N, C-alpha and C. Protein backbone atom coordinates (compact mmCIF):
# COMPACT_ATOMS: atom_id res chain seq x y z
N MET A 1 -11.64 1.13 -18.81
CA MET A 1 -11.17 1.92 -17.75
C MET A 1 -12.38 0.75 -16.34
N SER A 2 -11.45 0.58 -15.56
CA SER A 2 -12.31 -0.68 -14.32
C SER A 2 -11.77 -0.34 -13.02
N MET A 3 -12.53 -0.29 -12.10
CA MET A 3 -12.22 0.22 -11.03
C MET A 3 -12.89 -1.02 -9.84
N ILE A 4 -11.90 -1.06 -9.09
CA ILE A 4 -12.28 -1.94 -7.90
C ILE A 4 -12.06 -2.07 -6.32
N THR A 5 -12.44 -1.84 -5.34
CA THR A 5 -12.69 -1.38 -4.23
C THR A 5 -12.02 -2.71 -3.18
N ILE A 6 -11.06 -2.45 -2.93
CA ILE A 6 -10.28 -3.45 -1.57
C ILE A 6 -9.98 -2.47 -0.36
N ASP A 7 -10.64 -2.99 1.00
CA ASP A 7 -10.82 -2.29 2.08
C ASP A 7 -9.62 -3.28 3.11
N VAL A 8 -8.40 -2.44 3.77
CA VAL A 8 -7.63 -3.47 4.42
C VAL A 8 -7.61 -2.75 5.57
N GLY A 9 -7.46 -3.67 6.37
CA GLY A 9 -7.93 -3.70 8.22
C GLY A 9 -6.75 -2.80 8.74
N ASN A 10 -5.37 -3.30 8.18
CA ASN A 10 -4.35 -3.02 9.22
C ASN A 10 -3.33 -2.72 8.18
N PRO A 11 -1.69 -2.24 8.65
CA PRO A 11 -0.88 -1.96 7.47
C PRO A 11 -0.24 -3.53 7.18
N SER A 12 -0.30 -4.57 7.81
CA SER A 12 -0.01 -5.46 7.20
C SER A 12 -1.15 -6.21 5.99
N GLN A 13 -1.78 -6.00 6.39
CA GLN A 13 -2.80 -6.42 5.20
C GLN A 13 -2.28 -5.47 3.57
N THR A 14 -2.12 -4.33 4.29
CA THR A 14 -1.31 -2.80 2.84
C THR A 14 -0.43 -3.71 2.36
N ASP A 15 0.50 -4.11 3.16
CA ASP A 15 2.21 -4.70 2.63
C ASP A 15 1.94 -5.47 2.19
N ALA A 16 0.37 -6.79 2.33
CA ALA A 16 0.36 -8.11 1.20
C ALA A 16 0.07 -7.23 0.08
N LEU A 17 -0.89 -7.04 0.15
CA LEU A 17 -1.53 -6.13 -1.54
C LEU A 17 0.15 -5.30 -2.14
N GLY A 18 0.63 -4.55 -1.30
CA GLY A 18 1.82 -4.17 -2.02
C GLY A 18 2.71 -4.73 -2.60
N ARG A 19 3.46 -5.60 -1.92
CA ARG A 19 4.08 -6.92 -2.23
C ARG A 19 3.85 -7.82 -3.58
N ARG A 20 2.24 -8.11 -3.57
CA ARG A 20 1.96 -8.31 -4.69
C ARG A 20 1.76 -7.89 -5.92
N LEU A 21 1.58 -6.36 -5.77
CA LEU A 21 1.63 -5.90 -6.98
C LEU A 21 3.40 -5.67 -7.58
N GLY A 22 3.97 -5.49 -6.34
CA GLY A 22 5.34 -5.37 -6.95
C GLY A 22 6.02 -6.67 -7.47
N ALA A 23 5.24 -7.80 -7.34
CA ALA A 23 5.54 -9.31 -7.92
C ALA A 23 5.81 -9.21 -8.96
N VAL A 24 4.49 -8.72 -9.55
CA VAL A 24 3.79 -8.86 -10.66
C VAL A 24 4.46 -7.46 -11.96
N LEU A 25 4.42 -6.54 -11.48
CA LEU A 25 4.59 -5.13 -12.42
C LEU A 25 5.90 -5.67 -13.59
N PHE A 26 5.47 -5.04 -14.08
CA PHE A 26 6.02 -5.29 -15.82
C PHE A 26 6.81 -3.62 -16.36
N PRO A 27 8.10 -4.36 -16.53
CA PRO A 27 8.70 -3.30 -17.07
C PRO A 27 7.75 -2.20 -18.06
N GLY A 28 8.37 -0.93 -17.49
CA GLY A 28 7.02 0.25 -18.22
C GLY A 28 6.28 0.44 -17.43
N ALA A 29 5.87 0.31 -16.60
CA ALA A 29 4.46 0.32 -15.33
C ALA A 29 4.72 1.37 -15.08
N VAL A 30 3.25 2.11 -14.86
CA VAL A 30 3.16 2.63 -14.40
C VAL A 30 2.38 3.19 -13.31
N VAL A 31 2.56 3.17 -12.62
CA VAL A 31 1.42 3.16 -10.69
C VAL A 31 1.22 4.75 -10.32
N ALA A 32 0.43 5.16 -10.10
CA ALA A 32 -0.37 6.88 -9.91
C ALA A 32 -1.00 6.66 -8.56
N LEU A 33 -0.17 7.58 -7.55
CA LEU A 33 -0.67 6.96 -6.02
C LEU A 33 -1.79 8.47 -5.34
N VAL A 34 -3.29 8.18 -5.05
CA VAL A 34 -3.03 9.42 -4.47
C VAL A 34 -3.91 9.45 -3.30
N GLY A 35 -4.11 10.19 -2.35
CA GLY A 35 -4.49 10.36 -1.35
C GLY A 35 -4.11 11.03 -0.11
N PRO A 36 -4.56 11.47 0.93
CA PRO A 36 -4.03 12.33 1.72
C PRO A 36 -2.64 12.18 2.91
N LEU A 37 -2.27 12.91 2.94
CA LEU A 37 -1.07 12.91 4.12
C LEU A 37 -1.22 11.82 5.06
N GLY A 38 -0.44 10.78 5.35
CA GLY A 38 -0.68 9.67 6.28
C GLY A 38 -1.75 8.68 5.89
N ALA A 39 -2.17 8.59 4.88
CA ALA A 39 -2.60 7.44 3.95
C ALA A 39 -2.53 6.33 3.50
N GLY A 40 -0.69 6.63 3.90
CA GLY A 40 0.14 4.98 3.50
C GLY A 40 0.32 5.16 2.63
N LYS A 41 0.49 5.95 1.03
CA LYS A 41 1.27 6.02 0.04
C LYS A 41 2.83 5.35 -0.06
N THR A 42 3.38 6.07 0.95
CA THR A 42 5.07 5.70 0.98
C THR A 42 5.10 4.46 1.51
N HIS A 43 4.31 3.85 2.78
CA HIS A 43 4.50 2.80 3.12
C HIS A 43 3.84 1.63 1.81
N PHE A 44 3.37 1.81 1.49
CA PHE A 44 2.48 1.10 0.16
C PHE A 44 3.83 0.85 -0.89
N VAL A 45 4.69 2.12 -1.08
CA VAL A 45 5.59 2.03 -2.30
C VAL A 45 6.75 0.91 -1.49
N ARG A 46 6.79 0.88 0.05
CA ARG A 46 7.71 0.45 0.27
C ARG A 46 7.46 -1.26 0.09
N ALA A 47 6.07 -2.00 0.11
CA ALA A 47 5.82 -3.67 0.45
C ALA A 47 6.09 -3.19 -1.30
N VAL A 48 5.69 -3.00 -2.51
CA VAL A 48 5.88 -2.53 -3.41
C VAL A 48 7.30 -3.29 -3.91
N ALA A 49 7.64 -2.04 -3.64
CA ALA A 49 9.34 -2.52 -3.59
C ALA A 49 10.57 -3.87 -2.94
N VAL A 50 9.65 -4.00 -1.86
CA VAL A 50 10.00 -5.25 -1.58
C VAL A 50 9.51 -7.02 -2.17
N GLY A 51 8.05 -6.37 -2.63
CA GLY A 51 7.40 -7.58 -3.57
C GLY A 51 8.83 -7.22 -5.23
N ALA A 52 8.81 -6.52 -5.59
CA ALA A 52 9.74 -6.42 -6.45
C ALA A 52 11.08 -7.04 -6.35
N GLY A 53 11.70 -7.18 -5.63
CA GLY A 53 13.22 -7.84 -4.87
C GLY A 53 13.81 -6.75 -4.14
N VAL A 54 13.60 -5.39 -3.97
CA VAL A 54 14.38 -4.96 -2.79
C VAL A 54 14.96 -5.16 -2.00
N VAL A 55 16.19 -5.63 -1.14
CA VAL A 55 15.97 -6.54 -0.49
C VAL A 55 15.58 -5.87 1.35
N SER A 56 16.01 -4.73 1.35
CA SER A 56 15.41 -3.87 2.99
C SER A 56 14.67 -3.10 2.27
N PRO A 57 13.38 -3.08 2.72
CA PRO A 57 12.41 -1.99 2.82
C PRO A 57 12.82 -1.01 3.54
N ASP A 58 13.98 -0.60 4.19
CA ASP A 58 14.52 0.35 4.97
C ASP A 58 14.79 1.50 3.85
N VAL A 59 15.50 1.14 2.65
CA VAL A 59 16.44 1.98 2.11
C VAL A 59 15.25 3.09 0.76
N VAL A 60 13.72 2.35 1.39
CA VAL A 60 12.98 3.31 0.46
C VAL A 60 11.95 4.29 1.27
N THR A 61 12.46 5.07 1.01
CA THR A 61 11.72 6.94 1.89
C THR A 61 11.29 7.78 0.65
N SER A 62 10.58 8.54 1.52
CA SER A 62 9.61 9.86 0.46
C SER A 62 10.24 10.59 0.12
N PRO A 63 10.07 10.20 -1.05
CA PRO A 63 11.30 11.67 -1.93
C PRO A 63 10.63 12.73 -2.56
N THR A 64 9.73 13.66 -1.11
CA THR A 64 9.22 15.01 -0.84
C THR A 64 10.21 15.67 -1.27
N PHE A 65 11.93 15.77 -0.63
CA PHE A 65 12.34 17.00 -0.58
C PHE A 65 13.56 16.45 -2.05
N VAL A 66 13.65 15.43 -2.71
CA VAL A 66 14.66 15.13 -3.70
C VAL A 66 13.36 14.40 -4.93
N LEU A 67 12.71 14.28 -4.67
CA LEU A 67 11.52 13.96 -5.78
C LEU A 67 11.55 13.11 -7.06
N ILE A 68 12.92 12.24 -6.90
CA ILE A 68 13.00 11.18 -6.86
C ILE A 68 13.53 10.51 -6.40
N GLN A 69 13.26 9.07 -6.17
CA GLN A 69 14.73 7.66 -5.21
C GLN A 69 14.47 6.92 -6.58
N GLU A 70 15.69 6.35 -6.70
CA GLU A 70 16.09 4.70 -7.58
C GLU A 70 16.03 3.67 -6.81
N TYR A 71 15.28 2.42 -7.00
CA TYR A 71 15.78 1.85 -5.98
C TYR A 71 15.87 0.48 -6.99
N PRO A 72 17.17 -0.26 -7.03
CA PRO A 72 17.41 -1.19 -8.25
C PRO A 72 16.54 -2.58 -7.32
N ALA A 73 15.73 -3.62 -8.16
CA ALA A 73 15.21 -4.63 -7.74
C ALA A 73 14.82 -5.36 -9.25
N ARG A 74 14.07 -6.74 -9.03
CA ARG A 74 14.06 -7.56 -10.89
C ARG A 74 13.61 -5.85 -11.90
N VAL A 75 13.26 -4.78 -11.33
CA VAL A 75 12.93 -4.29 -12.35
C VAL A 75 12.83 -2.65 -11.70
N PRO A 76 14.01 -1.95 -12.04
CA PRO A 76 14.32 -0.81 -11.55
C PRO A 76 13.21 -0.35 -11.11
N ILE A 77 12.88 0.48 -10.02
CA ILE A 77 11.68 1.12 -9.20
C ILE A 77 11.85 2.64 -9.60
N TYR A 78 11.60 3.55 -9.97
CA TYR A 78 11.34 4.71 -9.95
C TYR A 78 10.55 5.67 -9.24
N HIS A 79 10.88 5.96 -7.65
CA HIS A 79 9.34 6.55 -6.83
C HIS A 79 9.37 7.86 -6.84
N PHE A 80 8.56 8.67 -7.20
CA PHE A 80 8.50 10.00 -7.82
C PHE A 80 7.77 10.63 -6.07
N ASP A 81 7.74 11.86 -6.08
CA ASP A 81 7.05 13.18 -5.19
C ASP A 81 6.46 13.48 -5.81
N ALA A 82 5.50 14.21 -6.43
CA ALA A 82 5.02 15.40 -6.97
C ALA A 82 4.23 16.41 -5.69
N TYR A 83 4.36 16.36 -4.59
CA TYR A 83 3.89 16.98 -3.36
C TYR A 83 4.37 18.15 -3.62
N ARG A 84 5.51 18.86 -3.81
CA ARG A 84 5.97 20.18 -3.50
C ARG A 84 6.08 20.45 -5.16
N LEU A 85 5.77 20.28 -6.20
CA LEU A 85 5.83 20.60 -7.78
C LEU A 85 4.83 21.78 -7.31
N ALA A 86 5.23 22.21 -7.88
CA ALA A 86 3.81 24.14 -8.64
C ALA A 86 3.23 23.50 -9.07
N SER A 87 3.13 22.46 -10.19
CA SER A 87 3.01 22.71 -11.85
C SER A 87 3.25 21.44 -12.32
N GLU A 88 2.36 20.96 -13.53
CA GLU A 88 2.35 19.32 -14.29
C GLU A 88 3.89 19.68 -14.69
N THR A 89 3.93 20.96 -15.63
CA THR A 89 4.75 21.23 -15.46
C THR A 89 6.58 21.32 -15.50
N GLU A 90 6.17 21.39 -13.78
CA GLU A 90 7.70 21.14 -13.25
C GLU A 90 8.10 19.54 -13.19
N PHE A 91 7.06 18.45 -13.21
CA PHE A 91 7.31 17.43 -13.16
C PHE A 91 7.30 16.94 -14.32
N ALA A 92 7.08 17.44 -15.71
CA ALA A 92 7.27 17.28 -16.65
C ALA A 92 8.82 17.12 -17.46
N GLU A 93 9.97 18.58 -16.48
CA GLU A 93 10.89 18.85 -16.76
C GLU A 93 11.96 17.79 -16.26
N LEU A 94 11.25 16.69 -14.97
CA LEU A 94 12.05 15.92 -14.06
C LEU A 94 12.54 14.57 -15.41
N GLY A 95 11.95 14.72 -16.68
CA GLY A 95 12.10 14.06 -17.75
C GLY A 95 11.66 12.45 -17.23
N VAL A 96 10.21 12.86 -17.16
CA VAL A 96 9.25 11.73 -16.50
C VAL A 96 9.11 10.51 -18.02
N HIS A 97 9.15 11.69 -18.67
CA HIS A 97 8.44 10.62 -20.33
C HIS A 97 9.22 9.61 -20.25
N GLU A 98 10.92 10.20 -20.04
CA GLU A 98 11.88 9.29 -20.46
C GLU A 98 11.95 7.57 -19.39
N TYR A 99 11.44 8.04 -18.55
CA TYR A 99 11.27 6.87 -17.31
C TYR A 99 10.12 6.50 -17.81
N PHE A 100 9.02 6.84 -17.93
CA PHE A 100 8.00 6.11 -18.51
C PHE A 100 8.08 5.08 -19.40
N ALA A 101 8.73 5.44 -20.70
CA ALA A 101 9.59 4.87 -21.62
C ALA A 101 10.48 3.68 -21.42
N GLY A 102 10.69 3.84 -19.71
CA GLY A 102 12.45 3.11 -19.66
C GLY A 102 11.86 1.71 -19.32
N ASN A 103 12.98 0.97 -18.99
CA ASN A 103 12.30 -0.58 -18.78
C ASN A 103 12.29 -0.48 -16.70
N GLY A 104 11.89 0.47 -16.52
CA GLY A 104 11.77 0.18 -14.66
C GLY A 104 10.33 0.40 -14.55
N VAL A 105 10.11 0.73 -12.99
CA VAL A 105 8.51 0.82 -12.96
C VAL A 105 8.71 2.15 -12.19
N CYS A 106 7.37 2.83 -12.33
CA CYS A 106 7.31 4.45 -12.00
C CYS A 106 5.92 4.20 -11.27
N LEU A 107 6.55 4.71 -9.81
CA LEU A 107 5.21 4.97 -8.47
C LEU A 107 5.40 6.34 -8.49
N ILE A 108 4.34 7.00 -8.53
CA ILE A 108 4.24 8.15 -8.47
C ILE A 108 3.33 8.72 -7.10
N GLU A 109 3.54 9.59 -5.92
CA GLU A 109 2.88 9.91 -4.70
C GLU A 109 2.50 11.17 -5.23
N TRP A 110 1.13 11.50 -4.87
CA TRP A 110 0.83 12.54 -5.08
C TRP A 110 0.54 13.07 -6.99
N ALA A 111 -0.14 11.84 -6.81
CA ALA A 111 -0.01 11.65 -8.77
C ALA A 111 -1.42 12.68 -9.16
N ASP A 112 -1.95 12.96 -8.42
CA ASP A 112 -3.40 13.54 -9.34
C ASP A 112 -2.80 15.44 -9.27
N LYS A 113 -1.74 15.30 -8.81
CA LYS A 113 -1.08 16.72 -9.17
C LYS A 113 -0.81 17.01 -10.31
N VAL A 114 -0.55 15.84 -11.21
CA VAL A 114 0.21 15.35 -12.17
C VAL A 114 -0.95 14.98 -13.29
N ARG A 115 -1.93 14.61 -13.33
CA ARG A 115 -2.46 13.61 -13.97
C ARG A 115 -2.50 13.58 -15.64
N GLY A 116 -1.96 15.17 -15.94
CA GLY A 116 -1.79 15.43 -17.42
C GLY A 116 -0.94 15.06 -18.15
N VAL A 117 0.27 15.15 -16.99
CA VAL A 117 1.86 14.44 -17.66
C VAL A 117 1.50 12.97 -18.06
N LEU A 118 0.32 11.81 -16.66
CA LEU A 118 0.68 10.98 -16.78
C LEU A 118 0.58 9.96 -18.16
N PRO A 119 1.21 8.82 -18.38
CA PRO A 119 0.77 8.22 -19.78
C PRO A 119 -1.35 8.11 -19.53
N SER A 120 -1.27 7.62 -20.65
CA SER A 120 -3.07 7.17 -20.75
C SER A 120 -3.29 6.19 -20.03
N GLU A 121 -2.44 5.31 -20.24
CA GLU A 121 -2.55 3.70 -19.39
C GLU A 121 -1.46 3.68 -18.69
N HIS A 122 -2.34 3.59 -17.47
CA HIS A 122 -1.46 3.35 -16.05
C HIS A 122 -1.89 2.80 -14.86
N LEU A 123 -1.38 2.27 -13.68
CA LEU A 123 -2.62 1.94 -12.77
C LEU A 123 -2.68 2.84 -11.54
N GLU A 124 -3.74 3.02 -11.20
CA GLU A 124 -4.11 3.72 -9.91
C GLU A 124 -4.51 3.82 -8.72
N PHE A 125 -3.92 4.13 -7.82
CA PHE A 125 -4.44 3.55 -6.00
C PHE A 125 -4.79 4.48 -5.52
N HIS A 126 -6.14 5.12 -5.37
CA HIS A 126 -6.90 5.74 -4.45
C HIS A 126 -6.89 5.62 -3.11
N PHE A 127 -6.10 6.33 -1.56
CA PHE A 127 -5.68 6.09 -0.51
C PHE A 127 -7.12 6.34 0.31
N ALA A 128 -8.00 6.49 1.33
CA ALA A 128 -8.97 6.84 1.80
C ALA A 128 -8.75 6.44 3.14
N ILE A 129 -8.73 6.85 4.66
CA ILE A 129 -7.77 7.02 5.08
C ILE A 129 -9.92 6.38 5.92
N THR A 130 -9.57 5.21 6.39
CA THR A 130 -11.20 4.71 7.04
C THR A 130 -11.25 4.60 8.57
N GLY A 131 -10.05 4.52 9.46
CA GLY A 131 -9.63 4.27 10.81
C GLY A 131 -8.34 4.47 11.08
N PRO A 132 -7.79 4.52 11.96
CA PRO A 132 -6.74 4.73 12.71
C PRO A 132 -5.76 3.33 12.15
N MET A 133 -6.08 2.30 11.59
CA MET A 133 -5.13 1.36 10.71
C MET A 133 -5.93 1.46 9.61
N SER A 134 -6.68 1.49 8.90
CA SER A 134 -7.87 0.65 8.19
C SER A 134 -7.66 1.84 6.50
N ARG A 135 -8.04 1.22 5.48
CA ARG A 135 -8.07 2.36 4.63
C ARG A 135 -8.50 1.81 3.73
N ARG A 136 -9.33 2.51 3.02
CA ARG A 136 -10.05 1.92 1.34
C ARG A 136 -9.32 2.55 0.66
N ILE A 137 -8.79 1.10 -0.52
CA ILE A 137 -8.22 1.80 -1.57
C ILE A 137 -8.78 1.10 -2.83
N THR A 138 -9.27 2.00 -3.68
CA THR A 138 -9.91 2.33 -5.19
C THR A 138 -8.56 2.29 -6.05
N VAL A 139 -8.57 0.95 -6.81
CA VAL A 139 -7.88 0.67 -7.65
C VAL A 139 -8.47 1.21 -9.14
N THR A 140 -7.57 1.64 -10.04
CA THR A 140 -8.47 2.20 -11.21
C THR A 140 -7.57 2.08 -12.37
N ALA A 141 -7.94 0.85 -13.30
CA ALA A 141 -7.34 0.54 -14.42
C ALA A 141 -7.30 1.25 -15.65
N HIS A 142 -6.31 1.76 -16.17
CA HIS A 142 -6.44 3.01 -16.97
C HIS A 142 -5.72 1.93 -18.61
N GLY A 143 -6.64 1.16 -19.50
CA GLY A 143 -6.17 0.16 -20.84
C GLY A 143 -6.04 -1.40 -20.12
N GLN A 144 -5.88 -2.30 -20.81
CA GLN A 144 -6.19 -3.91 -20.94
C GLN A 144 -5.04 -4.47 -20.12
N ARG A 145 -3.31 -3.82 -20.31
CA ARG A 145 -2.59 -4.34 -18.96
C ARG A 145 -2.90 -3.75 -18.30
N TYR A 146 -3.89 -2.87 -18.01
CA TYR A 146 -4.03 -2.55 -16.45
C TYR A 146 -5.04 -3.37 -15.67
N GLU A 147 -5.71 -3.76 -16.47
CA GLU A 147 -7.14 -4.19 -16.01
C GLU A 147 -7.19 -5.34 -15.65
N ALA A 148 -5.41 -6.57 -16.36
CA ALA A 148 -5.98 -7.33 -15.84
C ALA A 148 -5.08 -7.44 -14.53
N LEU A 149 -3.86 -6.61 -14.63
CA LEU A 149 -3.13 -6.92 -13.28
C LEU A 149 -4.15 -6.39 -12.18
N ALA A 150 -4.74 -5.84 -12.30
CA ALA A 150 -6.00 -5.17 -11.57
C ALA A 150 -6.56 -6.64 -11.06
N GLY A 151 -7.03 -7.30 -12.06
CA GLY A 151 -7.83 -8.42 -11.87
C GLY A 151 -7.32 -9.42 -10.82
N GLN A 152 -5.86 -9.69 -11.15
CA GLN A 152 -5.13 -10.36 -10.92
C GLN A 152 -4.83 -9.86 -9.46
N LEU A 153 -4.64 -8.71 -8.71
CA LEU A 153 -4.68 -8.47 -7.58
C LEU A 153 -5.61 -9.20 -7.16
N VAL A 154 -7.15 -8.43 -7.23
CA VAL A 154 -8.31 -8.73 -6.54
C VAL A 154 -8.16 -10.12 -6.28
N ASN A 155 -8.30 -10.94 -7.31
CA ASN A 155 -7.82 -12.44 -7.22
C ASN A 155 -7.68 -12.82 -6.15
N GLU A 156 -6.48 -12.23 -5.96
CA GLU A 156 -5.11 -12.68 -4.80
C GLU A 156 -5.54 -12.37 -3.53
N SER A 157 -5.89 -10.80 -3.45
CA SER A 157 -6.78 -10.56 -2.07
C SER A 157 -8.05 -10.68 -2.04
N THR A 158 -8.70 -11.68 -2.76
CA THR A 158 -9.34 -11.90 -2.51
C THR A 158 -9.41 -13.66 -1.72
N ARG A 159 -8.54 -14.16 -2.24
CA ARG A 159 -7.69 -15.44 -1.43
C ARG A 159 -7.29 -15.25 -0.69
N GLY A 160 -6.73 -14.21 -0.13
CA GLY A 160 -5.74 -13.90 1.08
C GLY A 160 -6.18 -12.71 2.06
N GLY A 161 -7.48 -12.97 2.21
CA GLY A 161 -8.52 -12.84 2.72
C GLY A 161 -8.23 -10.73 3.14
N VAL A 162 -7.91 -10.42 2.11
CA VAL A 162 -7.68 -8.54 2.34
C VAL A 162 -9.38 -8.21 2.22
N MET A 163 -9.50 -8.66 1.30
CA MET A 163 -11.32 -8.24 0.53
C MET A 163 -12.27 -7.93 1.37
């Protein structure tokens, strides 16, 4: 497991990071998103979706009430929201293991509520609010494939001036 921290000063930098992630995600990837209300999790998912080939970011909305949204892209995107779930069992009953084993990308908001159901190998983004527009994003890679992916994001973020 490896961990990196990326400071973003505004939503445009968050968008850039999300688009880079969306461009390199692979079929079967699982990305856990953690942070308080208003930290930018859905905003980040929107950027990831654009990076993965979703034509309009406006189609990406929070699945808080429907629990899952699906978006066609280079690889299908499955956007989960565990906020309203009472237990990890409820999350598992959505059939998430089939999604995890599929050919799409799983993006899970409020993943800290369902951590025990997540695959052992995944990428986690923890969003901390550091100012009105700034965020500190801690990226934790669980597994070699995700460590390589996180390293790639850091290298590109450094070149792009995000860190």
